[in-house]
Amino acid sequence: MITVLRVAGFRFVIYTNDHEPAHLNVYGDGEARIDIVEVAAISNRGMSRRDLVRALGIVQEHREAFLERWHEIHG
């Protein structure tokens, strides 16, 4: 597990033994998995709609860096 960003009370993580599609696990008050390419929630476990929208905005803002990091980790 690699934390790639901490911001606004969220921790954005890429697991080293994970699978496609390229995605992040986002931890805050709850947990969500976000597809980096589509910038869309794959799953949401307990994260408020407001926090999910904020997390999606952060993924959109850092999308290229997240994709680059995903490919560094997963090839």
Protein backbone atom coordinates (compact mmCIF):
# COMPACT_ATOMS: atom_id res chain seq x y z
CA MET A 1 0.00 0.00 0.00
CA ILE A 2 1.42 3.34 -1.08
CA THR A 3 -0.05 6.63 0.06
CA VAL A 4 0.24 8.89 -2.97
CA LEU A 5 -1.44 12.00 -1.53
CA ARG A 6 -2.78 13.35 1.75
CA VAL A 7 -4.97 16.42 1.41
CA ALA A 8 -8.17 17.91 2.87
CA GLY A 9 -8.52 15.09 5.41
CA PHE A 10 -8.25 12.37 2.75
CA ARG A 11 -5.58 9.75 2.15
CA PHE A 12 -5.27 8.52 -1.46
CA VAL A 13 -3.75 5.03 -1.66
CA ILE A 14 -2.66 2.66 -4.43
CA TYR A 15 -2.24 -0.97 -3.42
CA THR A 16 0.79 -2.66 -4.94
CA ASN A 17 -0.99 -5.99 -5.48
CA ASP A 18 -4.14 -4.48 -7.00
CA HIS A 19 -5.88 -4.93 -10.35
CA GLU A 20 -7.32 -2.96 -13.26
CA PRO A 21 -9.01 -0.61 -13.75
CA ALA A 22 -6.51 1.98 -12.55
CA HIS A 23 -8.03 3.21 -9.30
CA LEU A 24 -7.36 4.72 -5.90
CA ASN A 25 -8.64 3.80 -2.50
CA VAL A 26 -9.61 7.00 -0.69
CA TYR A 27 -9.82 7.06 3.09
CA GLY A 28 -11.36 9.80 5.17
CA ASP A 29 -14.61 9.52 7.02
CA GLY A 30 -15.42 6.28 5.22
CA GLU A 31 -13.76 4.70 2.19
CA ALA A 32 -14.28 4.91 -1.55
CA ARG A 33 -12.61 3.41 -4.60
CA ILE A 34 -12.27 5.85 -7.49
CA ASP A 35 -11.47 5.00 -11.11
CA ILE A 36 -8.64 7.34 -12.11
CA VAL A 37 -9.34 7.24 -15.86
CA GLU A 38 -13.09 7.86 -15.64
CA VAL A 39 -12.88 9.90 -12.40
CA ALA A 40 -15.89 7.98 -11.09
CA ALA A 41 -16.69 6.13 -7.88
CA ILE A 42 -16.37 2.35 -8.19
CA SER A 43 -17.56 1.77 -4.63
CA ASN A 44 -18.41 3.76 -1.54
CA ARG A 45 -18.35 2.41 1.98
CA GLY A 46 -19.53 5.01 4.44
CA MET A 47 -18.21 8.18 2.79
CA SER A 48 -20.75 11.02 2.70
CA ARG A 49 -21.89 12.28 -0.68
CA ARG A 50 -20.25 15.64 0.08
CA ASP A 51 -16.88 14.01 0.85
CA LEU A 52 -17.14 11.77 -2.20
CA VAL A 53 -17.71 14.80 -4.44
CA ARG A 54 -14.70 16.52 -2.84
CA ALA A 55 -12.55 13.39 -3.33
CA LEU A 56 -13.61 13.14 -6.98
CA GLY A 57 -12.60 16.78 -7.48
CA ILE A 58 -9.17 16.08 -6.00
CA VAL A 59 -8.75 13.04 -8.26
CA GLN A 60 -9.69 15.17 -11.28
CA GLU A 61 -7.18 17.83 -10.23
CA HIS A 62 -4.34 15.29 -9.79
CA ARG A 63 -5.49 12.78 -12.41
CA GLU A 64 -2.33 12.75 -14.55
CA ALA A 65 -0.02 12.36 -11.54
CA PHE A 66 -2.20 9.53 -10.15
CA LEU A 67 -2.19 7.72 -13.51
CA GLU A 68 1.57 8.11 -13.79
CA ARG A 69 2.02 6.69 -10.30
CA TRP A 70 -0.38 3.77 -11.05
CA HIS A 71 1.69 2.85 -14.11
CA GLU A 72 4.96 3.12 -12.15
CA ILE A 73 3.58 0.63 -9.62
CA HIS A 74 1.69 -1.73 -11.95
CA GLY A 75 3.55 -1.36 -15.23
